[in-house]
């Protein structure tokens, strides 16, 4: 065998190995991307839920704050 043929065989083997590794890494990257998408969706649902809770609290806190201020005002007038 000639040295050139041996070199071609060695390079072909390394190319096949790197191609196989690239395919495996691509599959793993797709899986990780799907997991990130799922986590992002869950985080968005949680953020939306918290936003609704804060909006509800904001609606109830304004009347309660006004009521608290009025009770303080009436208590000062009683004294």
N, C-alpha and C. Protein backbone atom coordinates (compact mmCIF):
# COMPACT_ATOMS: atom_id res chain seq x y z
N UNK A 1 0.84 -1.18 0.00
CA UNK A 1 0.00 0.00 0.00
C UNK A 1 0.88 1.24 0.00
N UNK A 2 0.42 2.19 -0.68
CA UNK A 2 1.13 3.46 -0.78
C UNK A 2 0.76 4.34 0.41
N UNK A 3 1.64 5.25 0.77
CA UNK A 3 1.37 6.16 1.89
C UNK A 3 0.16 7.04 1.64
N UNK A 4 -0.07 7.38 0.43
CA UNK A 4 -1.22 8.22 0.10
C UNK A 4 -2.52 7.47 0.35
N UNK A 5 -2.55 6.19 0.05
CA UNK A 5 -3.76 5.40 0.29
C UNK A 5 -4.02 5.25 1.79
N UNK A 6 -2.96 5.05 2.56
CA UNK A 6 -3.09 4.93 4.01
C UNK A 6 -3.62 6.26 4.59
N UNK A 7 -3.08 7.37 4.09
CA UNK A 7 -3.53 8.68 4.55
C UNK A 7 -4.99 8.92 4.21
N UNK A 8 -5.42 8.50 3.04
CA UNK A 8 -6.81 8.65 2.64
C UNK A 8 -7.71 7.80 3.54
N UNK A 9 -7.30 6.60 3.88
CA UNK A 9 -8.10 5.74 4.76
C UNK A 9 -8.21 6.35 6.15
N UNK A 10 -7.10 6.85 6.68
CA UNK A 10 -7.11 7.46 8.02
C UNK A 10 -8.01 8.70 8.02
N UNK A 11 -7.89 9.54 7.02
CA UNK A 11 -8.72 10.74 6.94
C UNK A 11 -10.20 10.38 6.77
N UNK A 12 -10.49 9.34 6.03
CA UNK A 12 -11.88 8.90 5.85
C UNK A 12 -12.47 8.41 7.17
N UNK A 13 -11.68 7.70 7.95
CA UNK A 13 -12.15 7.21 9.25
C UNK A 13 -12.44 8.39 10.18
N UNK A 14 -11.52 9.36 10.23
CA UNK A 14 -11.73 10.54 11.09
C UNK A 14 -12.93 11.36 10.62
N UNK A 15 -13.12 11.46 9.32
CA UNK A 15 -14.27 12.18 8.80
C UNK A 15 -15.58 11.48 9.19
N UNK A 16 -15.59 10.15 9.13
CA UNK A 16 -16.78 9.39 9.52
C UNK A 16 -17.06 9.57 11.01
N UNK A 17 -16.01 9.57 11.82
CA UNK A 17 -16.18 9.76 13.27
C UNK A 17 -16.74 11.15 13.56
N UNK A 18 -16.18 12.17 12.95
CA UNK A 18 -16.65 13.54 13.18
C UNK A 18 -18.07 13.73 12.66
N UNK A 19 -18.42 13.09 11.56
CA UNK A 19 -19.78 13.18 11.04
C UNK A 19 -20.77 12.53 12.01
N UNK A 20 -20.41 11.38 12.55
CA UNK A 20 -21.25 10.71 13.54
C UNK A 20 -21.42 11.57 14.79
N UNK A 21 -20.33 12.17 15.27
CA UNK A 21 -20.40 13.06 16.43
C UNK A 21 -21.27 14.28 16.15
N UNK A 22 -21.19 14.82 14.96
CA UNK A 22 -22.00 15.98 14.59
C UNK A 22 -23.49 15.61 14.59
N UNK A 23 -23.82 14.44 14.11
CA UNK A 23 -25.22 14.00 14.10
C UNK A 23 -25.72 13.82 15.52
N UNK A 24 -24.92 13.19 16.39
CA UNK A 24 -25.32 12.98 17.79
C UNK A 24 -25.49 14.32 18.50
N UNK A 25 -24.55 15.23 18.31
CA UNK A 25 -24.65 16.54 18.96
C UNK A 25 -25.84 17.35 18.45
N UNK A 26 -26.17 17.20 17.19
CA UNK A 26 -27.35 17.89 16.65
C UNK A 26 -28.63 17.36 17.29
N UNK A 27 -28.71 16.06 17.46
CA UNK A 27 -29.89 15.46 18.11
C UNK A 27 -29.99 15.95 19.55
N UNK A 28 -28.86 15.98 20.27
CA UNK A 28 -28.87 16.47 21.65
C UNK A 28 -29.26 17.94 21.72
N UNK A 29 -28.79 18.72 20.76
CA UNK A 29 -29.14 20.14 20.73
C UNK A 29 -30.64 20.34 20.50
N UNK A 30 -31.22 19.52 19.66
CA UNK A 30 -32.67 19.60 19.43
C UNK A 30 -33.43 19.26 20.71
N UNK A 31 -32.98 18.23 21.44
CA UNK A 31 -33.64 17.86 22.70
C UNK A 31 -33.54 18.99 23.72
N UNK A 32 -32.36 19.58 23.84
CA UNK A 32 -32.17 20.68 24.80
C UNK A 32 -33.03 21.87 24.42
N UNK A 33 -33.12 22.16 23.14
CA UNK A 33 -33.95 23.27 22.68
C UNK A 33 -35.42 23.04 23.03
N UNK A 34 -35.90 21.82 22.88
CA UNK A 34 -37.28 21.51 23.24
C UNK A 34 -37.50 21.67 24.74
N UNK A 35 -36.52 21.25 25.55
CA UNK A 35 -36.64 21.41 27.00
C UNK A 35 -36.66 22.88 27.38
N UNK A 36 -35.84 23.67 26.74
CA UNK A 36 -35.82 25.11 27.02
C UNK A 36 -37.15 25.73 26.65
N UNK A 37 -37.72 25.29 25.54
CA UNK A 37 -39.02 25.81 25.12
C UNK A 37 -40.10 25.46 26.14
N UNK A 38 -40.05 24.24 26.68
CA UNK A 38 -41.03 23.83 27.69
C UNK A 38 -40.87 24.65 28.97
N UNK A 39 -39.64 24.87 29.39
CA UNK A 39 -39.39 25.65 30.61
C UNK A 39 -39.84 27.09 30.40
N UNK A 40 -39.57 27.64 29.24
CA UNK A 40 -39.99 29.01 28.94
C UNK A 40 -41.51 29.13 28.96
N UNK A 41 -42.20 28.14 28.41
CA UNK A 41 -43.66 28.16 28.44
C UNK A 41 -44.20 28.11 29.86
N UNK A 42 -43.60 27.28 30.70
CA UNK A 42 -44.02 27.21 32.10
C UNK A 42 -43.76 28.52 32.82
N UNK A 43 -42.61 29.13 32.56
CA UNK A 43 -42.28 30.41 33.19
C UNK A 43 -43.25 31.50 32.75
N UNK A 44 -43.63 31.48 31.49
CA UNK A 44 -44.58 32.49 31.00
C UNK A 44 -45.95 32.30 31.64
N UNK A 45 -46.39 31.05 31.81
CA UNK A 45 -47.67 30.80 32.48
C UNK A 45 -47.62 31.29 33.93
N UNK A 46 -46.51 31.04 34.60
CA UNK A 46 -46.35 31.49 35.98
C UNK A 46 -46.36 33.00 36.06
N UNK A 47 -45.65 33.65 35.14
CA UNK A 47 -45.62 35.12 35.14
C UNK A 47 -46.99 35.70 34.87
N UNK A 48 -47.74 35.08 33.97
CA UNK A 48 -49.11 35.55 33.70
C UNK A 48 -49.99 35.40 34.93
N UNK A 49 -49.85 34.28 35.63
CA UNK A 49 -50.62 34.07 36.85
C UNK A 49 -50.29 35.10 37.92
N UNK A 50 -48.99 35.38 38.07
CA UNK A 50 -48.58 36.40 39.05
C UNK A 50 -49.09 37.78 38.65
N UNK A 51 -49.10 38.05 37.36
CA UNK A 51 -49.60 39.34 36.89
C UNK A 51 -51.08 39.49 37.21
N UNK A 52 -51.83 38.41 37.07
CA UNK A 52 -53.26 38.46 37.41
C UNK A 52 -53.45 38.67 38.91
N UNK A 53 -52.62 38.02 39.71
CA UNK A 53 -52.71 38.17 41.16
C UNK A 53 -52.40 39.61 41.56
N UNK A 54 -51.36 40.17 40.97
CA UNK A 54 -50.98 41.55 41.28
C UNK A 54 -52.07 42.52 40.83
N UNK A 55 -52.66 42.26 39.69
CA UNK A 55 -53.74 43.14 39.22
C UNK A 55 -54.94 43.06 40.17
N UNK A 56 -55.26 41.88 40.64
CA UNK A 56 -56.35 41.74 41.60
C UNK A 56 -56.02 42.43 42.91
N UNK A 57 -54.78 42.30 43.36
CA UNK A 57 -54.36 42.97 44.58
C UNK A 57 -54.42 44.49 44.42
N UNK A 58 -54.03 44.96 43.25
CA UNK A 58 -54.06 46.39 42.99
C UNK A 58 -55.49 46.92 43.04
N UNK A 59 -56.42 46.15 42.51
CA UNK A 59 -57.82 46.57 42.52
C UNK A 59 -58.37 46.64 43.94
N UNK A 60 -57.98 45.70 44.79
CA UNK A 60 -58.50 45.69 46.15
C UNK A 60 -57.72 46.60 47.07
N UNK A 61 -56.45 46.85 46.77
CA UNK A 61 -55.63 47.65 47.68
C UNK A 61 -56.02 49.13 47.62
N UNK A 62 -56.43 49.63 46.49
CA UNK A 62 -56.81 51.04 46.39
C UNK A 62 -58.02 51.36 47.27
N UNK A 63 -59.10 50.60 47.25
CA UNK A 63 -60.21 50.89 48.16
C UNK A 63 -59.82 50.70 49.62
N UNK A 64 -59.00 49.70 49.89
CA UNK A 64 -58.58 49.49 51.28
C UNK A 64 -57.71 50.64 51.77
N UNK A 65 -56.86 51.16 50.92
CA UNK A 65 -56.02 52.29 51.30
C UNK A 65 -56.88 53.52 51.55
N UNK A 66 -57.86 53.76 50.71
CA UNK A 66 -58.76 54.90 50.91
C UNK A 66 -59.55 54.72 52.20
N UNK A 67 -60.02 53.51 52.48
CA UNK A 67 -60.75 53.24 53.72
C UNK A 67 -59.87 53.47 54.93
N UNK A 68 -58.63 53.02 54.86
CA UNK A 68 -57.68 53.21 55.96
C UNK A 68 -57.42 54.70 56.21
N UNK A 69 -57.25 55.46 55.15
CA UNK A 69 -57.02 56.90 55.31
C UNK A 69 -58.25 57.58 55.90
N UNK A 70 -59.43 57.16 55.46
CA UNK A 70 -60.65 57.75 56.00
C UNK A 70 -60.82 57.42 57.48
N UNK A 71 -60.51 56.19 57.87
CA UNK A 71 -60.63 55.84 59.29
C UNK A 71 -59.64 56.63 60.12
N UNK A 72 -58.45 56.86 59.62
CA UNK A 72 -57.47 57.68 60.34
C UNK A 72 -58.00 59.11 60.48
N UNK A 73 -58.57 59.64 59.42
CA UNK A 73 -59.09 61.00 59.44
C UNK A 73 -60.23 61.13 60.45
N UNK A 74 -61.14 60.15 60.48
CA UNK A 74 -62.26 60.20 61.44
C UNK A 74 -61.76 60.01 62.86
N UNK A 75 -60.74 59.18 63.04
CA UNK A 75 -60.20 58.97 64.39
C UNK A 75 -59.54 60.25 64.91
N UNK A 76 -58.89 61.01 64.04
CA UNK A 76 -58.27 62.27 64.45
C UNK A 76 -59.35 63.28 64.82
N UNK A 77 -60.44 63.31 64.06
CA UNK A 77 -61.52 64.23 64.33
C UNK A 77 -62.24 63.89 65.65
N UNK A 78 -62.30 62.61 66.00
CA UNK A 78 -62.94 62.22 67.26
C UNK A 78 -62.16 62.70 68.46
N UNK A 79 -60.85 62.71 68.35
CA UNK A 79 -60.01 63.11 69.47
C UNK A 79 -60.11 64.61 69.60
